[in-house]
Amino acid sequence: MPRHLTEYLLAAAWSNRSVPGYPHVLLASLDQQRHLTLEQRLAGAAPADAPAAPR
């Protein structure tokens, strides 16, 4: 998880709305009009935008 991004947003007055037991980081802007969910990618998993592997 990009810790530097999380730290930057928290320093810019975003709040951490994460729920205990939920494996993602939930951030909300100060005005509550923007939300960001950071999901943890499993080791060895391809990014969602990666091209499909040839068959």
PDB file of N, CA and C in Angstrom:
ATOM      1  N   MET A   1       0.849  -1.173   0.000  1.00  0.00           N
ATOM      2  CA  MET A   1       0.000   0.000   0.000  1.00  0.00           C
ATOM      3  C   MET A   1       0.897   1.239   0.000  1.00  0.00           C
ATOM      4  N   PRO A   2       0.575   2.217  -0.819  1.00  0.00           N
ATOM      5  CA  PRO A   2       1.428   3.399  -0.905  1.00  0.00           C
ATOM      6  C   PRO A   2       1.312   4.288   0.335  1.00  0.00           C
ATOM      7  N   ARG A   3       2.153   4.009   1.297  1.00  0.00           N
ATOM      8  CA  ARG A   3       2.104   4.736   2.566  1.00  0.00           C
ATOM      9  C   ARG A   3       2.310   6.240   2.377  1.00  0.00           C
ATOM     10  N   HIS A   4       3.181   6.627   1.432  1.00  0.00           N
ATOM     11  CA  HIS A   4       3.429   8.060   1.228  1.00  0.00           C
ATOM     12  C   HIS A   4       2.168   8.776   0.759  1.00  0.00           C
ATOM     13  N   LEU A   5       1.323   8.121  -0.033  1.00  0.00           N
ATOM     14  CA  LEU A   5       0.061   8.719  -0.471  1.00  0.00           C
ATOM     15  C   LEU A   5      -0.877   8.906   0.713  1.00  0.00           C
ATOM     16  N   THR A   6      -0.992   7.891   1.541  1.00  0.00           N
ATOM     17  CA  THR A   6      -1.842   7.973   2.728  1.00  0.00           C
ATOM     18  C   THR A   6      -1.380   9.094   3.644  1.00  0.00           C
ATOM     19  N   GLU A   7      -0.081   9.168   3.899  1.00  0.00           N
ATOM     20  CA  GLU A   7       0.461  10.209   4.775  1.00  0.00           C
ATOM     21  C   GLU A   7       0.229  11.602   4.196  1.00  0.00           C
ATOM     22  N   TYR A   8       0.369  11.744   2.878  1.00  0.00           N
ATOM     23  CA  TYR A   8       0.150  13.039   2.224  1.00  0.00           C
ATOM     24  C   TYR A   8      -1.306  13.489   2.384  1.00  0.00           C
ATOM     25  N   LEU A   9      -2.250  12.582   2.134  1.00  0.00           N
ATOM     26  CA  LEU A   9      -3.664  12.942   2.241  1.00  0.00           C
ATOM     27  C   LEU A   9      -4.054  13.240   3.685  1.00  0.00           C
ATOM     28  N   LEU A  10      -3.548  12.474   4.636  1.00  0.00           N
ATOM     29  CA  LEU A  10      -3.849  12.754   6.047  1.00  0.00           C
ATOM     30  C   LEU A  10      -3.289  14.117   6.461  1.00  0.00           C
ATOM     31  N   ALA A  11      -2.120  14.474   5.942  1.00  0.00           N
ATOM     32  CA  ALA A  11      -1.539  15.790   6.244  1.00  0.00           C
ATOM     33  C   ALA A  11      -2.353  16.912   5.593  1.00  0.00           C
ATOM     34  N   ALA A  12      -3.087  16.589   4.524  1.00  0.00           N
ATOM     35  CA  ALA A  12      -3.909  17.584   3.825  1.00  0.00           C
ATOM     36  C   ALA A  12      -5.343  17.586   4.363  1.00  0.00           C
ATOM     37  N   ALA A  13      -5.526  17.126   5.588  1.00  0.00           N
ATOM     38  CA  ALA A  13      -6.793  17.152   6.321  1.00  0.00           C
ATOM     39  C   ALA A  13      -7.800  16.098   5.866  1.00  0.00           C
ATOM     40  N   TRP A  14      -7.371  15.085   5.113  1.00  0.00           N
ATOM     41  CA  TRP A  14      -8.254  13.958   4.830  1.00  0.00           C
ATOM     42  C   TRP A  14      -8.348  13.127   6.108  1.00  0.00           C
ATOM     43  N   SER A  15      -9.453  12.419   6.293  1.00  0.00           N
ATOM     44  CA  SER A  15      -9.605  11.612   7.499  1.00  0.00           C
ATOM     45  C   SER A  15      -9.628  10.125   7.148  1.00  0.00           C
ATOM     46  N   ASN A  16      -9.136   9.342   8.074  1.00  0.00           N
ATOM     47  CA  ASN A  16      -9.095   7.898   7.907  1.00  0.00           C
ATOM     48  C   ASN A  16     -10.418   7.340   8.438  1.00  0.00           C
ATOM     49  N   ARG A  17     -11.216   6.763   7.555  1.00  0.00           N
ATOM     50  CA  ARG A  17     -12.522   6.208   7.917  1.00  0.00           C
ATOM     51  C   ARG A  17     -12.507   4.676   7.897  1.00  0.00           C
ATOM     52  N   SER A  18     -11.320   4.105   8.051  1.00  0.00           N
ATOM     53  CA  SER A  18     -11.189   2.649   8.008  1.00  0.00           C
ATOM     54  C   SER A  18     -11.971   1.992   9.132  1.00  0.00           C
ATOM     55  N   VAL A  19     -12.445   0.798   8.845  1.00  0.00           N
ATOM     56  CA  VAL A  19     -13.232   0.025   9.804  1.00  0.00           C
ATOM     57  C   VAL A  19     -12.368  -1.137  10.286  1.00  0.00           C
ATOM     58  N   PRO A  20     -12.263  -1.354  11.601  1.00  0.00           N
ATOM     59  CA  PRO A  20     -11.479  -2.483  12.106  1.00  0.00           C
ATOM     60  C   PRO A  20     -11.963  -3.803  11.487  1.00  0.00           C
ATOM     61  N   GLY A  21     -11.026  -4.590  11.030  1.00  0.00           N
ATOM     62  CA  GLY A  21     -11.355  -5.862  10.418  1.00  0.00           C
ATOM     63  C   GLY A  21     -11.556  -5.783   8.912  1.00  0.00           C
ATOM     64  N   TYR A  22     -11.717  -4.578   8.359  1.00  0.00           N
ATOM     65  CA  TYR A  22     -11.870  -4.389   6.917  1.00  0.00           C
ATOM     66  C   TYR A  22     -10.467  -4.196   6.352  1.00  0.00           C
ATOM     67  N   PRO A  23     -10.082  -4.972   5.339  1.00  0.00           N
ATOM     68  CA  PRO A  23      -8.678  -4.973   4.908  1.00  0.00           C
ATOM     69  C   PRO A  23      -8.231  -3.784   4.048  1.00  0.00           C
ATOM     70  N   HIS A  24      -9.081  -2.786   3.854  1.00  0.00           N
ATOM     71  CA  HIS A  24      -8.721  -1.653   3.009  1.00  0.00           C
ATOM     72  C   HIS A  24      -8.641  -0.375   3.834  1.00  0.00           C
ATOM     73  N   VAL A  25      -7.961   0.627   3.285  1.00  0.00           N
ATOM     74  CA  VAL A  25      -7.879   1.936   3.924  1.00  0.00           C
ATOM     75  C   VAL A  25      -8.911   2.836   3.262  1.00  0.00           C
ATOM     76  N   LEU A  26      -9.806   3.410   4.056  1.00  0.00           N
ATOM     77  CA  LEU A  26     -10.846   4.296   3.555  1.00  0.00           C
ATOM     78  C   LEU A  26     -10.523   5.724   3.986  1.00  0.00           C
ATOM     79  N   LEU A  27     -10.372   6.621   3.018  1.00  0.00           N
ATOM     80  CA  LEU A  27     -10.043   8.014   3.308  1.00  0.00           C
ATOM     81  C   LEU A  27     -11.156   8.917   2.787  1.00  0.00           C
ATOM     82  N   ALA A  28     -11.422  10.009   3.500  1.00  0.00           N
ATOM     83  CA  ALA A  28     -12.450  10.967   3.095  1.00  0.00           C
ATOM     84  C   ALA A  28     -11.858  12.368   3.158  1.00  0.00           C
ATOM     85  N   SER A  29     -12.210  13.202   2.170  1.00  0.00           N
ATOM     86  CA  SER A  29     -11.725  14.579   2.143  1.00  0.00           C
ATOM     87  C   SER A  29     -12.400  15.377   3.253  1.00  0.00           C
ATOM     88  N   LEU A  30     -11.832  16.523   3.550  1.00  0.00           N
ATOM     89  CA  LEU A  30     -12.343  17.368   4.629  1.00  0.00           C
ATOM     90  C   LEU A  30     -13.802  17.757   4.388  1.00  0.00           C
ATOM     91  N   ASP A  31     -14.163  18.040   3.127  1.00  0.00           N
ATOM     92  CA  ASP A  31     -15.532  18.441   2.812  1.00  0.00           C
ATOM     93  C   ASP A  31     -16.476  17.244   2.607  1.00  0.00           C
ATOM     94  N   GLN A  32     -15.956  16.028   2.772  1.00  0.00           N
ATOM     95  CA  GLN A  32     -16.726  14.789   2.644  1.00  0.00           C
ATOM     96  C   GLN A  32     -17.290  14.564   1.235  1.00  0.00           C
ATOM     97  N   GLN A  33     -16.789  15.297   0.231  1.00  0.00           N
ATOM     98  CA  GLN A  33     -17.278  15.133  -1.133  1.00  0.00           C
ATOM     99  C   GLN A  33     -16.441  14.143  -1.931  1.00  0.00           C
ATOM    100  N   ARG A  34     -15.278  13.780  -1.416  1.00  0.00           N
ATOM    101  CA  ARG A  34     -14.408  12.836  -2.101  1.00  0.00           C
ATOM    102  C   ARG A  34     -14.015  11.719  -1.146  1.00  0.00           C
ATOM    103  N   HIS A  35     -13.999  10.511  -1.688  1.00  0.00           N
ATOM    104  CA  HIS A  35     -13.609   9.342  -0.905  1.00  0.00           C
ATOM    105  C   HIS A  35     -12.622   8.521  -1.714  1.00  0.00           C
ATOM    106  N   LEU A  36     -11.712   7.878  -1.027  1.00  0.00           N
ATOM    107  CA  LEU A  36     -10.709   7.052  -1.674  1.00  0.00           C
ATOM    108  C   LEU A  36     -10.566   5.763  -0.878  1.00  0.00           C
ATOM    109  N   THR A  37     -10.609   4.642  -1.598  1.00  0.00           N
ATOM    110  CA  THR A  37     -10.404   3.339  -0.973  1.00  0.00           C
ATOM    111  C   THR A  37      -9.115   2.757  -1.518  1.00  0.00           C
ATOM    112  N   LEU A  38      -8.176   2.469  -0.632  1.00  0.00           N
ATOM    113  CA  LEU A  38      -6.911   1.853  -1.029  1.00  0.00           C
ATOM    114  C   LEU A  38      -7.003   0.372  -0.705  1.00  0.00           C
ATOM    115  N   GLU A  39      -6.863  -0.444  -1.737  1.00  0.00           N
ATOM    116  CA  GLU A  39      -6.954  -1.890  -1.565  1.00  0.00           C
ATOM    117  C   GLU A  39      -5.567  -2.494  -1.587  1.00  0.00           C
ATOM    118  N   GLN A  40      -5.353  -3.472  -0.763  1.00  0.00           N
ATOM    119  CA  GLN A  40      -4.067  -4.148  -0.703  1.00  0.00           C
ATOM    120  C   GLN A  40      -4.036  -5.232  -1.769  1.00  0.00           C
ATOM    121  N   ARG A  41      -3.006  -5.215  -2.607  1.00  0.00           N
ATOM    122  CA  ARG A  41      -2.865  -6.213  -3.662  1.00  0.00           C
ATOM    123  C   ARG A  41      -2.055  -7.379  -3.131  1.00  0.00           C
ATOM    124  N   LEU A  42      -2.506  -8.581  -3.409  1.00  0.00           N
ATOM    125  CA  LEU A  42      -1.797  -9.769  -2.950  1.00  0.00           C
ATOM    126  C   LEU A  42      -0.499  -9.943  -3.724  1.00  0.00           C
ATOM    127  N   ALA A  43       0.525 -10.459  -3.084  1.00  0.00           N
ATOM    128  CA  ALA A  43       1.812 -10.692  -3.729  1.00  0.00           C
ATOM    129  C   ALA A  43       1.622 -11.638  -4.911  1.00  0.00           C
ATOM    130  N   GLY A  44       2.174 -11.275  -6.051  1.00  0.00           N
ATOM    131  CA  GLY A  44       2.089 -12.111  -7.238  1.00  0.00           C
ATOM    132  C   GLY A  44       0.846 -11.876  -8.068  1.00  0.00           C
ATOM    133  N   ALA A  45      -0.101 -11.091  -7.576  1.00  0.00           N
ATOM    134  CA  ALA A  45      -1.315 -10.817  -8.330  1.00  0.00           C
ATOM    135  C   ALA A  45      -1.049  -9.709  -9.349  1.00  0.00           C
ATOM    136  N   ALA A  46      -1.604  -9.870 -10.525  1.00  0.00           N
ATOM    137  CA  ALA A  46      -1.448  -8.859 -11.582  1.00  0.00           C
ATOM    138  C   ALA A  46      -2.341  -7.670 -11.290  1.00  0.00           C
ATOM    139  N   PRO A  47      -1.902  -6.454 -11.635  1.00  0.00           N
ATOM    140  CA  PRO A  47      -2.767  -5.288 -11.462  1.00  0.00           C
ATOM    141  C   PRO A  47      -4.034  -5.435 -12.303  1.00  0.00           C
ATOM    142  N   ALA A  48      -5.101  -4.778 -11.892  1.00  0.00           N
ATOM    143  CA  ALA A  48      -6.382  -4.893 -12.596  1.00  0.00           C
ATOM    144  C   ALA A  48      -6.286  -4.418 -14.035  1.00  0.00           C
ATOM    145  N   ASP A  49      -5.395  -3.473 -14.335  1.00  0.00           N
ATOM    146  CA  ASP A  49      -5.293  -2.938 -15.696  1.00  0.00           C
ATOM    147  C   ASP A  49      -4.223  -3.634 -16.528  1.00  0.00           C
ATOM    148  N   ALA A  50      -3.668  -4.720 -16.017  1.00  0.00           N
ATOM    149  CA  ALA A  50      -2.645  -5.464 -16.761  1.00  0.00           C
ATOM    150  C   ALA A  50      -3.299  -6.252 -17.901  1.00  0.00           C
ATOM    151  N   PRO A  51      -2.605  -6.368 -19.023  1.00  0.00           N
ATOM    152  CA  PRO A  51      -3.169  -7.150 -20.126  1.00  0.00           C
ATOM    153  C   PRO A  51      -3.312  -8.615 -19.715  1.00  0.00           C
ATOM    154  N   ALA A  52      -4.293  -9.264 -20.296  1.00  0.00           N
ATOM    155  CA  ALA A  52      -4.529 -10.676 -19.972  1.00  0.00           C
ATOM    156  C   ALA A  52      -3.377 -11.524 -20.488  1.00  0.00           C
ATOM    157  N   ALA A  53      -3.066 -12.574 -19.750  1.00  0.00           N
ATOM    158  CA  ALA A  53      -1.993 -13.492 -20.164  1.00  0.00           C
ATOM    159  C   ALA A  53      -2.425 -14.287 -21.383  1.00  0.00           C
ATOM    160  N   PRO A  54      -1.524 -14.522 -22.326  1.00  0.00           N
ATOM    161  CA  PRO A  54      -1.891 -15.303 -23.512  1.00  0.00           C
ATOM    162  C   PRO A  54      -2.250 -16.732 -23.124  1.00  0.00           C
ATOM    163  N   ARG A  55      -3.148 -17.326 -23.876  1.00  0.00           N
ATOM    164  CA  ARG A  55      -3.580 -18.715 -23.607  1.00  0.00           C
ATOM    165  C   ARG A  55      -2.924 -19.676 -24.541  1.00  0.00           C
TER     166      ARG A  55
END
